[in-house]
Structures are given as structure tokens and as C-alpha cells.
Amino acid sequence: MPFYHKLGKIPPKRHTQFRQENGELYQEQLFGTVGFDGMSSNLYHVHAPTRVTSIGDPVNMTPQVA
């Protein structure tokens, strides 16, 4: 059985349009540690949490043999 904890300003229903005072939409993020199974949280952001702010030089991620 789920339980709910509210912190801050949230919409009355989940997964609906939730607008800021200036009319822009909040960005919704479903966060969980086991994918879509188990406990999760709906997070609402002013800015998209996946927004790319810059692209740096490539980094070699090849594993090194000891």
C-alpha cells in the first residue's frame, strides 16, 4: 500500500500540467532506485534535470588492464 509525503507546492493530481506562476510548465521527473518497480518519487523542477549546459572534450573510458 503506497504512502504519500508532500513537501512544497505540488499539483492536486500526478502526471498533469503543473504550471509556475509565470505560466511555464514545471518539468516532472519520476525518480526511483529500481526502475518503475518499487518506491518512487515525483520530482518537479523549474529547469529540466537533464539539460546539457556544456560539452567538454571526450574522455577515454576504456578499462585499463592491471
N, C-alpha and C. Protein backbone atom coordinates (compact mmCIF):
# COMPACT_ATOMS: atom_id res chain seq x y z
N MET A 1 0.84 -1.18 0.00
CA MET A 1 0.00 0.00 0.00
C MET A 1 0.89 1.24 0.00
N PRO A 2 0.69 2.15 -0.94
CA PRO A 2 1.55 3.33 -1.02
C PRO A 2 1.26 4.32 0.10
N PHE A 3 2.27 5.08 0.42
CA PHE A 3 2.08 6.20 1.34
C PHE A 3 2.62 7.44 0.65
N TYR A 4 2.08 8.59 0.98
CA TYR A 4 2.43 9.82 0.30
C TYR A 4 3.00 10.82 1.30
N HIS A 5 4.02 11.53 0.85
CA HIS A 5 4.64 12.59 1.65
C HIS A 5 4.76 13.80 0.75
N LYS A 6 4.19 14.92 1.14
CA LYS A 6 4.25 16.14 0.33
C LYS A 6 5.25 17.10 0.95
N LEU A 7 6.03 17.72 0.09
CA LEU A 7 6.97 18.73 0.52
C LEU A 7 6.96 19.84 -0.52
N GLY A 8 6.50 21.01 -0.15
CA GLY A 8 6.43 22.12 -1.09
C GLY A 8 5.12 22.15 -1.84
N LYS A 9 5.10 22.92 -2.92
CA LYS A 9 3.90 23.10 -3.74
C LYS A 9 3.85 22.01 -4.80
N ILE A 10 2.76 21.25 -4.83
CA ILE A 10 2.61 20.17 -5.80
C ILE A 10 1.21 20.22 -6.41
N PRO A 11 1.02 19.61 -7.60
CA PRO A 11 -0.31 19.62 -8.21
C PRO A 11 -1.26 18.69 -7.47
N PRO A 12 -2.58 18.90 -7.61
CA PRO A 12 -3.54 18.03 -6.94
C PRO A 12 -3.55 16.60 -7.48
N LYS A 13 -3.18 16.40 -8.75
CA LYS A 13 -3.10 15.07 -9.34
C LYS A 13 -1.73 14.91 -9.97
N ARG A 14 -1.25 13.68 -10.02
CA ARG A 14 0.06 13.41 -10.62
C ARG A 14 -0.04 13.34 -12.15
N HIS A 15 1.07 13.60 -12.82
CA HIS A 15 1.21 13.49 -14.28
C HIS A 15 0.23 14.39 -15.03
N THR A 16 0.02 15.60 -14.53
CA THR A 16 -0.82 16.58 -15.21
C THR A 16 0.00 17.84 -15.45
N GLN A 17 -0.55 18.77 -16.20
CA GLN A 17 0.15 20.04 -16.42
C GLN A 17 0.21 20.80 -15.11
N PHE A 18 1.42 21.14 -14.70
CA PHE A 18 1.65 21.85 -13.45
C PHE A 18 2.46 23.08 -13.80
N ARG A 19 1.84 24.25 -13.68
CA ARG A 19 2.46 25.48 -14.15
C ARG A 19 2.97 26.34 -13.01
N GLN A 20 4.06 27.06 -13.33
CA GLN A 20 4.62 28.03 -12.40
C GLN A 20 3.76 29.29 -12.43
N GLU A 21 4.05 30.23 -11.55
CA GLU A 21 3.27 31.47 -11.50
C GLU A 21 3.37 32.27 -12.79
N ASN A 22 4.50 32.12 -13.53
CA ASN A 22 4.67 32.84 -14.79
C ASN A 22 4.05 32.10 -15.98
N GLY A 23 3.41 30.96 -15.75
CA GLY A 23 2.74 30.21 -16.80
C GLY A 23 3.56 29.10 -17.42
N GLU A 24 4.87 29.05 -17.15
CA GLU A 24 5.71 27.98 -17.69
C GLU A 24 5.45 26.68 -16.93
N LEU A 25 5.65 25.57 -17.65
CA LEU A 25 5.45 24.26 -17.02
C LEU A 25 6.63 23.89 -16.13
N TYR A 26 6.33 23.25 -15.01
CA TYR A 26 7.39 22.60 -14.24
C TYR A 26 7.77 21.33 -14.99
N GLN A 27 9.03 20.91 -14.89
CA GLN A 27 9.50 19.68 -15.50
C GLN A 27 9.29 18.55 -14.49
N GLU A 28 8.61 17.49 -14.90
CA GLU A 28 8.35 16.36 -14.00
C GLU A 28 9.38 15.27 -14.20
N GLN A 29 9.86 14.69 -13.11
CA GLN A 29 10.82 13.59 -13.16
C GLN A 29 10.34 12.51 -12.20
N LEU A 30 10.24 11.29 -12.70
CA LEU A 30 9.92 10.16 -11.83
C LEU A 30 11.24 9.54 -11.40
N PHE A 31 11.51 9.53 -10.10
CA PHE A 31 12.78 9.05 -9.57
C PHE A 31 12.55 7.82 -8.71
N GLY A 32 13.26 6.76 -9.01
CA GLY A 32 13.20 5.54 -8.21
C GLY A 32 14.53 4.82 -8.30
N THR A 33 14.77 3.91 -7.39
CA THR A 33 16.04 3.19 -7.39
C THR A 33 15.94 1.83 -8.04
N VAL A 34 14.72 1.40 -8.42
CA VAL A 34 14.52 0.10 -9.04
C VAL A 34 13.70 0.26 -10.32
N GLY A 35 14.03 1.25 -11.13
CA GLY A 35 13.27 1.48 -12.35
C GLY A 35 11.84 1.90 -12.03
N PHE A 36 10.87 1.29 -12.72
CA PHE A 36 9.46 1.62 -12.48
C PHE A 36 8.83 0.69 -11.45
N ASP A 37 9.63 -0.10 -10.76
CA ASP A 37 9.14 -1.01 -9.74
C ASP A 37 9.57 -0.49 -8.37
N GLY A 38 8.79 -0.72 -7.38
CA GLY A 38 9.16 -0.29 -6.04
C GLY A 38 8.80 1.16 -5.78
N MET A 39 9.34 1.68 -4.69
CA MET A 39 9.03 3.05 -4.29
C MET A 39 9.66 4.05 -5.25
N SER A 40 8.96 5.15 -5.48
CA SER A 40 9.48 6.20 -6.35
C SER A 40 8.94 7.54 -5.89
N SER A 41 9.51 8.60 -6.43
CA SER A 41 9.09 9.96 -6.11
C SER A 41 8.86 10.73 -7.39
N ASN A 42 7.84 11.57 -7.41
CA ASN A 42 7.64 12.52 -8.50
C ASN A 42 8.33 13.81 -8.08
N LEU A 43 9.28 14.26 -8.87
CA LEU A 43 10.00 15.49 -8.58
C LEU A 43 9.62 16.51 -9.64
N TYR A 44 9.42 17.75 -9.23
CA TYR A 44 9.07 18.82 -10.15
C TYR A 44 10.18 19.86 -10.13
N HIS A 45 10.69 20.19 -11.32
CA HIS A 45 11.84 21.08 -11.46
C HIS A 45 11.46 22.35 -12.23
N VAL A 46 12.09 23.46 -11.87
CA VAL A 46 11.94 24.70 -12.63
C VAL A 46 12.64 24.54 -13.97
N HIS A 47 13.82 23.92 -13.98
CA HIS A 47 14.59 23.65 -15.20
C HIS A 47 14.69 22.14 -15.38
N ALA A 48 14.74 21.70 -16.62
CA ALA A 48 14.83 20.27 -16.90
C ALA A 48 16.07 19.68 -16.22
N PRO A 49 15.93 18.55 -15.50
CA PRO A 49 17.07 17.98 -14.80
C PRO A 49 18.11 17.40 -15.74
N THR A 50 17.75 17.16 -17.00
CA THR A 50 18.69 16.57 -17.95
C THR A 50 19.25 17.59 -18.92
N ARG A 51 19.06 18.85 -18.64
CA ARG A 51 19.53 19.89 -19.55
C ARG A 51 21.06 19.86 -19.67
N VAL A 52 21.59 19.84 -20.90
CA VAL A 52 23.03 19.87 -21.13
C VAL A 52 23.48 21.32 -21.10
N THR A 53 24.41 21.64 -20.21
CA THR A 53 24.88 23.02 -20.11
C THR A 53 26.16 23.25 -20.90
N SER A 54 26.95 22.20 -21.12
CA SER A 54 28.16 22.33 -21.94
C SER A 54 28.63 20.94 -22.35
N ILE A 55 29.43 20.91 -23.40
CA ILE A 55 30.02 19.66 -23.87
C ILE A 55 31.52 19.84 -23.85
N GLY A 56 32.18 19.03 -23.05
CA GLY A 56 33.64 19.13 -22.92
C GLY A 56 34.34 18.21 -23.91
N ASP A 57 35.65 18.13 -23.75
CA ASP A 57 36.45 17.24 -24.59
C ASP A 57 36.13 15.78 -24.26
N PRO A 58 36.23 14.88 -25.26
CA PRO A 58 35.95 13.47 -24.99
C PRO A 58 36.96 12.89 -24.00
N VAL A 59 36.50 11.93 -23.21
CA VAL A 59 37.35 11.26 -22.23
C VAL A 59 37.37 9.78 -22.56
N ASN A 60 38.56 9.17 -22.58
CA ASN A 60 38.71 7.75 -22.86
C ASN A 60 38.27 6.95 -21.64
N MET A 61 37.23 6.15 -21.79
CA MET A 61 36.70 5.36 -20.68
C MET A 61 37.03 3.88 -20.82
N THR A 62 38.00 3.53 -21.69
CA THR A 62 38.39 2.14 -21.88
C THR A 62 39.02 1.60 -20.60
N PRO A 63 38.58 0.43 -20.12
CA PRO A 63 39.19 -0.14 -18.91
C PRO A 63 40.66 -0.45 -19.15
N GLN A 64 41.48 -0.22 -18.14
CA GLN A 64 42.91 -0.50 -18.22
C GLN A 64 43.20 -1.85 -17.56
N VAL A 65 43.97 -2.70 -18.24
CA VAL A 65 44.34 -3.99 -17.69
C VAL A 65 45.45 -3.78 -16.68
N ALA A 66 45.30 -4.36 -15.49
CA ALA A 66 46.29 -4.17 -14.42
C ALA A 66 47.56 -4.93 -14.70
